[in-house]
Amino acid sequence: TTRRGHGEVGMKIAEIGKLQNVKLQTIAPEKTVLDASRKLVQHNIGALPVCDAEGSLVGIITERDILRVTAKDGGDGVGHKVAAIMSRKVHTCVADDDIETAMQVMTDQRVRHLPVLRDGRLVNIISIGDLVKATLDESQEEIRHLREYVAG
């Protein structure tokens, strides 16, 4: 873990409140791009982990993947299988990673979503927006404590 001032350890992925309150959405590789699009819209999310019948993570499909296939193949693109357009190289994090580490991975790899693993199994997915919000919330809390301390 990375350490910040005064011996504090950075906030962990598992501590992000949203992750504890939202049911994980996934999709099977044999589903269609249209199925994935509908699920993204229904749940107001930007990416779906792709899991096989055993529940193992085999890929990820994002809004950008769908845009690319529809730009290339028009309306026919939505009939393709998820497996045909998903990214198979999936960058992940673990629930015990700190937020700064996850942000660094997203920045370095130019991705906006990271599936979260625990003991090698998919347990959730985080977006860059989730990390930014958690960081802002944590900063505001620190500012509030400092103000209270200074005020005596």
N, C-alpha and C. Protein backbone atom coordinates (compact mmCIF):
# COMPACT_ATOMS: atom_id res chain seq x y z
N THR A 1 0.84 -1.21 0.00
CA THR A 1 0.00 0.00 0.00
C THR A 1 0.87 1.25 0.00
N THR A 2 0.36 2.29 -0.60
CA THR A 2 1.09 3.54 -0.57
C THR A 2 0.70 4.28 0.69
N ARG A 3 1.67 4.97 1.26
CA ARG A 3 1.40 5.70 2.49
C ARG A 3 1.35 7.18 2.21
N ARG A 4 0.46 7.85 2.93
CA ARG A 4 0.38 9.30 2.81
C ARG A 4 0.86 9.90 4.11
N GLY A 5 0.77 11.19 4.19
CA GLY A 5 1.26 11.90 5.38
C GLY A 5 0.74 11.33 6.69
N HIS A 6 1.52 11.43 7.72
CA HIS A 6 1.17 11.03 9.10
C HIS A 6 0.83 9.55 9.21
N GLY A 7 1.43 8.72 8.36
CA GLY A 7 1.26 7.27 8.49
C GLY A 7 -0.07 6.73 8.03
N GLU A 8 -0.92 7.56 7.41
CA GLU A 8 -2.20 7.06 6.95
C GLU A 8 -2.01 6.19 5.72
N VAL A 9 -2.80 5.14 5.63
CA VAL A 9 -2.80 4.28 4.45
C VAL A 9 -3.94 4.75 3.58
N GLY A 10 -3.74 4.77 2.26
CA GLY A 10 -4.76 5.23 1.33
C GLY A 10 -6.04 4.42 1.42
N MET A 11 -7.12 5.04 1.04
CA MET A 11 -8.43 4.40 1.02
C MET A 11 -8.40 3.20 0.07
N LYS A 12 -9.01 2.11 0.48
CA LYS A 12 -9.02 0.87 -0.30
C LYS A 12 -10.22 0.82 -1.24
N ILE A 13 -10.07 0.06 -2.32
CA ILE A 13 -11.17 -0.14 -3.25
C ILE A 13 -12.41 -0.65 -2.53
N ALA A 14 -12.21 -1.60 -1.62
CA ALA A 14 -13.34 -2.21 -0.90
C ALA A 14 -14.13 -1.20 -0.07
N GLU A 15 -13.51 -0.05 0.25
CA GLU A 15 -14.18 0.95 1.08
C GLU A 15 -15.10 1.88 0.29
N ILE A 16 -15.08 1.80 -1.04
CA ILE A 16 -15.93 2.68 -1.84
C ILE A 16 -17.38 2.30 -1.62
N GLY A 17 -18.14 3.22 -1.06
CA GLY A 17 -19.52 2.95 -0.67
C GLY A 17 -20.39 2.40 -1.77
N LYS A 18 -20.27 2.96 -2.98
CA LYS A 18 -21.11 2.53 -4.10
C LYS A 18 -20.97 1.04 -4.37
N LEU A 19 -19.76 0.51 -4.20
CA LEU A 19 -19.52 -0.88 -4.52
C LEU A 19 -20.26 -1.83 -3.59
N GLN A 20 -20.55 -1.36 -2.39
CA GLN A 20 -21.24 -2.21 -1.43
C GLN A 20 -22.76 -2.18 -1.64
N ASN A 21 -23.24 -1.23 -2.45
CA ASN A 21 -24.69 -1.03 -2.60
C ASN A 21 -25.23 -1.36 -3.97
N VAL A 22 -24.36 -1.73 -4.91
CA VAL A 22 -24.80 -1.96 -6.29
C VAL A 22 -24.53 -3.42 -6.67
N LYS A 23 -25.56 -4.06 -7.27
CA LYS A 23 -25.41 -5.44 -7.71
C LYS A 23 -24.53 -5.48 -8.97
N LEU A 24 -23.56 -6.35 -8.98
CA LEU A 24 -22.66 -6.52 -10.11
C LEU A 24 -23.44 -7.00 -11.34
N GLN A 25 -23.24 -6.32 -12.45
CA GLN A 25 -23.84 -6.72 -13.72
C GLN A 25 -22.75 -7.33 -14.61
N THR A 26 -23.06 -8.47 -15.21
CA THR A 26 -22.12 -9.12 -16.13
C THR A 26 -22.91 -9.56 -17.37
N ILE A 27 -22.18 -10.05 -18.36
CA ILE A 27 -22.82 -10.58 -19.56
C ILE A 27 -22.04 -11.79 -20.03
N ALA A 28 -22.74 -12.71 -20.69
CA ALA A 28 -22.10 -13.92 -21.22
C ALA A 28 -21.54 -13.64 -22.62
N PRO A 29 -20.45 -14.31 -23.00
CA PRO A 29 -19.81 -14.05 -24.29
C PRO A 29 -20.70 -14.39 -25.49
N GLU A 30 -21.66 -15.30 -25.32
CA GLU A 30 -22.52 -15.69 -26.44
C GLU A 30 -23.70 -14.74 -26.65
N LYS A 31 -23.90 -13.79 -25.73
CA LYS A 31 -24.95 -12.79 -25.90
C LYS A 31 -24.58 -11.85 -27.04
N THR A 32 -25.55 -11.08 -27.52
CA THR A 32 -25.28 -10.17 -28.64
C THR A 32 -24.88 -8.78 -28.14
N VAL A 33 -24.30 -8.03 -29.06
CA VAL A 33 -23.95 -6.64 -28.76
C VAL A 33 -25.22 -5.86 -28.38
N LEU A 34 -26.34 -6.17 -29.03
CA LEU A 34 -27.60 -5.52 -28.67
C LEU A 34 -27.98 -5.82 -27.22
N ASP A 35 -27.81 -7.08 -26.80
CA ASP A 35 -28.08 -7.45 -25.40
C ASP A 35 -27.20 -6.61 -24.46
N ALA A 36 -25.93 -6.49 -24.81
CA ALA A 36 -25.00 -5.71 -23.98
C ALA A 36 -25.41 -4.25 -23.94
N SER A 37 -25.78 -3.69 -25.10
CA SER A 37 -26.21 -2.28 -25.16
C SER A 37 -27.41 -2.04 -24.26
N ARG A 38 -28.37 -2.93 -24.34
CA ARG A 38 -29.59 -2.78 -23.51
C ARG A 38 -29.26 -2.85 -22.02
N LYS A 39 -28.36 -3.74 -21.66
CA LYS A 39 -27.99 -3.88 -20.25
C LYS A 39 -27.24 -2.64 -19.76
N LEU A 40 -26.33 -2.11 -20.59
CA LEU A 40 -25.61 -0.88 -20.22
C LEU A 40 -26.59 0.27 -19.98
N VAL A 41 -27.55 0.42 -20.88
CA VAL A 41 -28.53 1.50 -20.76
C VAL A 41 -29.44 1.27 -19.55
N GLN A 42 -29.93 0.06 -19.39
CA GLN A 42 -30.84 -0.27 -18.29
C GLN A 42 -30.23 0.06 -16.93
N HIS A 43 -28.94 -0.21 -16.78
CA HIS A 43 -28.28 -0.03 -15.49
C HIS A 43 -27.45 1.25 -15.42
N ASN A 44 -27.46 2.04 -16.51
CA ASN A 44 -26.74 3.31 -16.57
C ASN A 44 -25.26 3.12 -16.23
N ILE A 45 -24.64 2.16 -16.92
CA ILE A 45 -23.23 1.85 -16.70
C ILE A 45 -22.49 1.89 -18.03
N GLY A 46 -21.16 1.92 -17.98
CA GLY A 46 -20.35 2.08 -19.18
C GLY A 46 -19.60 0.84 -19.62
N ALA A 47 -19.64 -0.22 -18.82
CA ALA A 47 -18.89 -1.43 -19.16
C ALA A 47 -19.51 -2.64 -18.46
N LEU A 48 -19.34 -3.79 -19.09
CA LEU A 48 -19.80 -5.05 -18.51
C LEU A 48 -18.67 -6.06 -18.52
N PRO A 49 -18.34 -6.63 -17.36
CA PRO A 49 -17.42 -7.77 -17.36
C PRO A 49 -18.12 -8.93 -18.10
N VAL A 50 -17.34 -9.66 -18.89
CA VAL A 50 -17.88 -10.80 -19.63
C VAL A 50 -17.43 -12.06 -18.89
N CYS A 51 -18.40 -12.87 -18.48
CA CYS A 51 -18.11 -14.07 -17.69
C CYS A 51 -18.65 -15.32 -18.38
N ASP A 52 -17.86 -16.39 -18.33
CA ASP A 52 -18.29 -17.66 -18.92
C ASP A 52 -19.28 -18.36 -17.98
N ALA A 53 -19.72 -19.56 -18.37
CA ALA A 53 -20.73 -20.29 -17.61
C ALA A 53 -20.29 -20.59 -16.18
N GLU A 54 -18.97 -20.69 -15.96
CA GLU A 54 -18.46 -20.97 -14.61
C GLU A 54 -18.31 -19.69 -13.78
N GLY A 55 -18.57 -18.55 -14.40
CA GLY A 55 -18.45 -17.29 -13.69
C GLY A 55 -17.06 -16.69 -13.75
N SER A 56 -16.18 -17.27 -14.58
CA SER A 56 -14.83 -16.74 -14.71
C SER A 56 -14.82 -15.54 -15.66
N LEU A 57 -14.03 -14.53 -15.31
CA LEU A 57 -13.88 -13.34 -16.13
C LEU A 57 -13.10 -13.69 -17.39
N VAL A 58 -13.71 -13.47 -18.56
CA VAL A 58 -13.05 -13.79 -19.82
C VAL A 58 -12.84 -12.57 -20.71
N GLY A 59 -13.43 -11.42 -20.32
CA GLY A 59 -13.28 -10.21 -21.11
C GLY A 59 -14.07 -9.07 -20.51
N ILE A 60 -14.12 -7.96 -21.26
CA ILE A 60 -14.91 -6.81 -20.86
C ILE A 60 -15.43 -6.15 -22.14
N ILE A 61 -16.66 -5.68 -22.11
CA ILE A 61 -17.23 -4.96 -23.23
C ILE A 61 -17.64 -3.57 -22.73
N THR A 62 -17.25 -2.55 -23.49
CA THR A 62 -17.51 -1.17 -23.08
C THR A 62 -18.33 -0.45 -24.14
N GLU A 63 -18.80 0.73 -23.76
CA GLU A 63 -19.51 1.58 -24.71
C GLU A 63 -18.67 1.82 -25.96
N ARG A 64 -17.39 2.04 -25.77
CA ARG A 64 -16.50 2.30 -26.91
C ARG A 64 -16.41 1.12 -27.86
N ASP A 65 -16.39 -0.10 -27.30
CA ASP A 65 -16.38 -1.30 -28.15
C ASP A 65 -17.63 -1.32 -29.04
N ILE A 66 -18.77 -0.97 -28.45
CA ILE A 66 -20.04 -0.98 -29.18
C ILE A 66 -20.05 0.12 -30.24
N LEU A 67 -19.53 1.30 -29.89
CA LEU A 67 -19.44 2.37 -30.88
C LEU A 67 -18.57 1.96 -32.06
N ARG A 68 -17.44 1.33 -31.76
CA ARG A 68 -16.53 0.91 -32.84
C ARG A 68 -17.21 -0.06 -33.80
N VAL A 69 -17.92 -1.06 -33.26
CA VAL A 69 -18.52 -2.08 -34.13
C VAL A 69 -19.69 -1.51 -34.91
N THR A 70 -20.45 -0.61 -34.33
CA THR A 70 -21.57 -0.03 -35.08
C THR A 70 -21.06 0.98 -36.11
N ALA A 71 -19.98 1.69 -35.83
CA ALA A 71 -19.39 2.59 -36.82
C ALA A 71 -18.86 1.80 -38.01
N LYS A 72 -18.31 0.63 -37.72
CA LYS A 72 -17.72 -0.21 -38.77
C LYS A 72 -18.79 -0.98 -39.55
N ASP A 73 -19.72 -1.61 -38.84
CA ASP A 73 -20.67 -2.53 -39.46
C ASP A 73 -22.11 -2.03 -39.47
N GLY A 74 -22.34 -0.79 -39.04
CA GLY A 74 -23.69 -0.24 -39.01
C GLY A 74 -24.61 -1.04 -38.11
N GLY A 75 -25.86 -1.12 -38.51
CA GLY A 75 -26.86 -1.84 -37.71
C GLY A 75 -26.55 -3.31 -37.54
N ASP A 76 -25.79 -3.88 -38.50
CA ASP A 76 -25.43 -5.30 -38.38
C ASP A 76 -24.54 -5.55 -37.16
N GLY A 77 -23.84 -4.51 -36.71
CA GLY A 77 -22.92 -4.64 -35.59
C GLY A 77 -23.58 -5.13 -34.31
N VAL A 78 -24.85 -4.75 -34.12
CA VAL A 78 -25.52 -5.13 -32.86
C VAL A 78 -25.86 -6.61 -32.82
N GLY A 79 -25.77 -7.29 -33.98
CA GLY A 79 -26.04 -8.73 -34.00
C GLY A 79 -24.83 -9.58 -33.69
N HIS A 80 -23.64 -8.97 -33.67
CA HIS A 80 -22.42 -9.73 -33.35
C HIS A 80 -22.48 -10.26 -31.92
N LYS A 81 -21.76 -11.33 -31.70
CA LYS A 81 -21.64 -11.87 -30.33
C LYS A 81 -20.69 -10.99 -29.53
N VAL A 82 -20.95 -10.89 -28.24
CA VAL A 82 -20.08 -10.14 -27.33
C VAL A 82 -18.65 -10.63 -27.47
N ALA A 83 -18.47 -11.95 -27.56
CA ALA A 83 -17.12 -12.54 -27.65
C ALA A 83 -16.34 -12.01 -28.83
N ALA A 84 -17.04 -11.60 -29.91
CA ALA A 84 -16.36 -11.15 -31.12
C ALA A 84 -15.77 -9.75 -30.97
N ILE A 85 -16.31 -8.95 -30.06
CA ILE A 85 -15.83 -7.56 -29.96
C ILE A 85 -15.26 -7.19 -28.59
N MET A 86 -15.42 -8.06 -27.60
CA MET A 86 -14.94 -7.73 -26.25
C MET A 86 -13.42 -7.65 -26.22
N SER A 87 -12.91 -6.94 -25.23
CA SER A 87 -11.47 -6.93 -24.98
C SER A 87 -11.15 -8.15 -24.13
N ARG A 88 -10.20 -8.96 -24.59
CA ARG A 88 -9.83 -10.16 -23.85
C ARG A 88 -8.72 -9.87 -22.84
N LYS A 89 -7.96 -8.84 -23.11
CA LYS A 89 -6.92 -8.43 -22.16
C LYS A 89 -7.57 -7.46 -21.18
N VAL A 90 -7.87 -7.96 -19.99
CA VAL A 90 -8.61 -7.18 -19.01
C VAL A 90 -7.67 -6.77 -17.87
N HIS A 91 -7.56 -5.48 -17.65
CA HIS A 91 -6.81 -4.98 -16.51
C HIS A 91 -7.74 -5.04 -15.30
N THR A 92 -7.22 -5.54 -14.19
CA THR A 92 -8.06 -5.71 -13.00
C THR A 92 -7.36 -5.12 -11.78
N CYS A 93 -8.11 -5.06 -10.69
CA CYS A 93 -7.53 -4.70 -9.40
C CYS A 93 -8.10 -5.66 -8.37
N VAL A 94 -7.62 -5.57 -7.15
CA VAL A 94 -8.17 -6.38 -6.06
C VAL A 94 -8.78 -5.45 -5.04
N ALA A 95 -9.74 -5.97 -4.27
CA ALA A 95 -10.48 -5.16 -3.31
C ALA A 95 -9.56 -4.47 -2.31
N ASP A 96 -8.39 -5.07 -2.04
CA ASP A 96 -7.47 -4.51 -1.05
C ASP A 96 -6.52 -3.46 -1.64
N ASP A 97 -6.56 -3.24 -2.97
CA ASP A 97 -5.73 -2.19 -3.57
C ASP A 97 -6.20 -0.83 -3.06
N ASP A 98 -5.26 0.13 -2.99
CA ASP A 98 -5.71 1.47 -2.65
C ASP A 98 -6.13 2.19 -3.92
N ILE A 99 -6.93 3.22 -3.73
CA ILE A 99 -7.51 3.97 -4.84
C ILE A 99 -6.43 4.56 -5.74
N GLU A 100 -5.36 5.06 -5.14
CA GLU A 100 -4.29 5.67 -5.94
C GLU A 100 -3.68 4.66 -6.91
N THR A 101 -3.51 3.42 -6.47
CA THR A 101 -2.97 2.37 -7.33
C THR A 101 -3.91 2.10 -8.50
N ALA A 102 -5.20 1.98 -8.21
CA ALA A 102 -6.18 1.74 -9.27
C ALA A 102 -6.21 2.89 -10.26
N MET A 103 -6.14 4.13 -9.76
CA MET A 103 -6.12 5.29 -10.65
C MET A 103 -4.89 5.26 -11.55
N GLN A 104 -3.77 4.84 -10.98
CA GLN A 104 -2.53 4.77 -11.77
C GLN A 104 -2.66 3.73 -12.88
N VAL A 105 -3.24 2.58 -12.57
CA VAL A 105 -3.45 1.55 -13.59
C VAL A 105 -4.35 2.08 -14.70
N MET A 106 -5.45 2.74 -14.33
CA MET A 106 -6.37 3.29 -15.33
C MET A 106 -5.67 4.32 -16.21
N THR A 107 -4.86 5.17 -15.60
CA THR A 107 -4.15 6.20 -16.34
C THR A 107 -3.11 5.58 -17.27
N ASP A 108 -2.31 4.66 -16.74
CA ASP A 108 -1.24 4.04 -17.53
C ASP A 108 -1.80 3.21 -18.69
N GLN A 109 -2.89 2.49 -18.43
CA GLN A 109 -3.44 1.58 -19.44
C GLN A 109 -4.53 2.24 -20.30
N ARG A 110 -4.89 3.48 -19.96
CA ARG A 110 -5.91 4.23 -20.69
C ARG A 110 -7.24 3.49 -20.74
N VAL A 111 -7.67 3.01 -19.56
CA VAL A 111 -8.97 2.36 -19.42
C VAL A 111 -9.79 3.12 -18.38
N ARG A 112 -11.10 2.99 -18.49
CA ARG A 112 -11.98 3.71 -17.57
C ARG A 112 -12.71 2.80 -16.59
N HIS A 113 -12.49 1.50 -16.72
CA HIS A 113 -13.15 0.53 -15.83
C HIS A 113 -12.16 -0.56 -15.44
N LEU A 114 -12.24 -0.98 -14.18
CA LEU A 114 -11.41 -2.09 -13.70
C LEU A 114 -12.30 -3.09 -12.96
N PRO A 115 -12.39 -4.32 -13.45
CA PRO A 115 -13.04 -5.34 -12.65
C PRO A 115 -12.25 -5.55 -11.35
N VAL A 116 -12.98 -5.82 -10.28
CA VAL A 116 -12.39 -6.02 -8.96
C VAL A 116 -12.44 -7.51 -8.63
N LEU A 117 -11.28 -8.07 -8.31
CA LEU A 117 -11.19 -9.49 -7.98
C LEU A 117 -10.93 -9.67 -6.48
N ARG A 118 -11.45 -10.77 -5.94
CA ARG A 118 -11.12 -11.20 -4.58
C ARG A 118 -10.89 -12.70 -4.66
N ASP A 119 -9.70 -13.12 -4.26
CA ASP A 119 -9.31 -14.54 -4.35
C ASP A 119 -9.49 -15.07 -5.78
N GLY A 120 -9.15 -14.22 -6.76
CA GLY A 120 -9.22 -14.62 -8.15
C GLY A 120 -10.60 -14.61 -8.77
N ARG A 121 -11.61 -14.28 -7.99
CA ARG A 121 -12.99 -14.28 -8.49
C ARG A 121 -13.48 -12.84 -8.65
N LEU A 122 -14.28 -12.60 -9.68
CA LEU A 122 -14.87 -11.29 -9.93
C LEU A 122 -15.89 -10.97 -8.85
N VAL A 123 -15.72 -9.81 -8.19
CA VAL A 123 -16.69 -9.39 -7.17
C VAL A 123 -17.35 -8.06 -7.49
N ASN A 124 -16.73 -7.24 -8.34
CA ASN A 124 -17.31 -5.96 -8.70
C ASN A 124 -16.56 -5.34 -9.86
N ILE A 125 -16.93 -4.11 -10.20
CA ILE A 125 -16.24 -3.33 -11.22
C ILE A 125 -16.27 -1.88 -10.77
N ILE A 126 -15.16 -1.17 -10.97
CA ILE A 126 -15.12 0.25 -10.61
C ILE A 126 -14.83 1.06 -11.86
N SER A 127 -15.34 2.29 -11.85
CA SER A 127 -15.07 3.21 -12.95
C SER A 127 -14.17 4.33 -12.45
N ILE A 128 -13.58 5.05 -13.38
CA ILE A 128 -12.76 6.19 -12.99
C ILE A 128 -13.62 7.20 -12.22
N GLY A 129 -14.88 7.34 -12.60
CA GLY A 129 -15.79 8.24 -11.88
C GLY A 129 -15.97 7.83 -10.43
N ASP A 130 -16.06 6.53 -10.17
CA ASP A 130 -16.18 6.04 -8.79
C ASP A 130 -14.95 6.45 -7.98
N LEU A 131 -13.77 6.33 -8.60
CA LEU A 131 -12.53 6.65 -7.90
C LEU A 131 -12.39 8.15 -7.65
N VAL A 132 -12.76 8.95 -8.65
CA VAL A 132 -12.69 10.40 -8.48
C VAL A 132 -13.63 10.83 -7.36
N LYS A 133 -14.86 10.32 -7.36
CA LYS A 133 -15.82 10.68 -6.32
C LYS A 133 -15.33 10.28 -4.94
N ALA A 134 -14.80 9.05 -4.82
CA ALA A 134 -14.29 8.59 -3.52
C ALA A 134 -13.14 9.46 -3.05
N THR A 135 -12.26 9.86 -3.96
CA THR A 135 -11.12 10.72 -3.62
C THR A 135 -11.60 12.09 -3.16
N LEU A 136 -12.56 12.67 -3.88
CA LEU A 136 -13.11 13.97 -3.49
C LEU A 136 -13.80 13.89 -2.13
N ASP A 137 -14.60 12.84 -1.93
CA ASP A 137 -15.29 12.67 -0.64
C ASP A 137 -14.29 12.56 0.49
N GLU A 138 -13.21 11.80 0.28
CA GLU A 138 -12.18 11.63 1.30
C GLU A 138 -11.48 12.96 1.58
N SER A 139 -11.19 13.72 0.54
CA SER A 139 -10.54 15.03 0.71
C SER A 139 -11.44 15.99 1.48
N GLN A 140 -12.71 16.01 1.15
CA GLN A 140 -13.64 16.89 1.85
C GLN A 140 -13.74 16.53 3.33
N GLU A 141 -13.71 15.23 3.62
CA GLU A 141 -13.75 14.78 5.01
C GLU A 141 -12.49 15.23 5.76
N GLU A 142 -11.33 15.11 5.11
CA GLU A 142 -10.07 15.55 5.73
C GLU A 142 -10.10 17.06 5.99
N ILE A 143 -10.61 17.82 5.04
CA ILE A 143 -10.71 19.28 5.19
C ILE A 143 -11.62 19.63 6.37
N ARG A 144 -12.74 18.92 6.47
CA ARG A 144 -13.67 19.16 7.58
C ARG A 144 -12.98 18.90 8.92
N HIS A 145 -12.23 17.80 9.02
CA HIS A 145 -11.50 17.49 10.27
C HIS A 145 -10.46 18.53 10.58
N LEU A 146 -9.73 18.96 9.56
CA LEU A 146 -8.70 20.00 9.78
C LEU A 146 -9.33 21.31 10.25
N ARG A 147 -10.46 21.70 9.65
CA ARG A 147 -11.14 22.92 10.07
C ARG A 147 -11.59 22.84 11.52
N GLU A 148 -12.13 21.67 11.89
CA GLU A 148 -12.56 21.48 13.27
C GLU A 148 -11.37 21.55 14.23
N TYR A 149 -10.26 20.98 13.82
CA TYR A 149 -9.05 21.00 14.65
C TYR A 149 -8.53 22.43 14.83
N VAL A 150 -8.47 23.17 13.71
CA VAL A 150 -7.97 24.55 13.76
C VAL A 150 -8.91 25.42 14.59
N ALA A 151 -10.21 25.19 14.45
CA ALA A 151 -11.20 25.98 15.19
C ALA A 151 -11.14 25.68 16.69
N GLY A 152 -10.55 24.54 17.03
CA GLY A 152 -10.35 24.19 18.44
C GLY A 152 -11.56 23.49 18.98
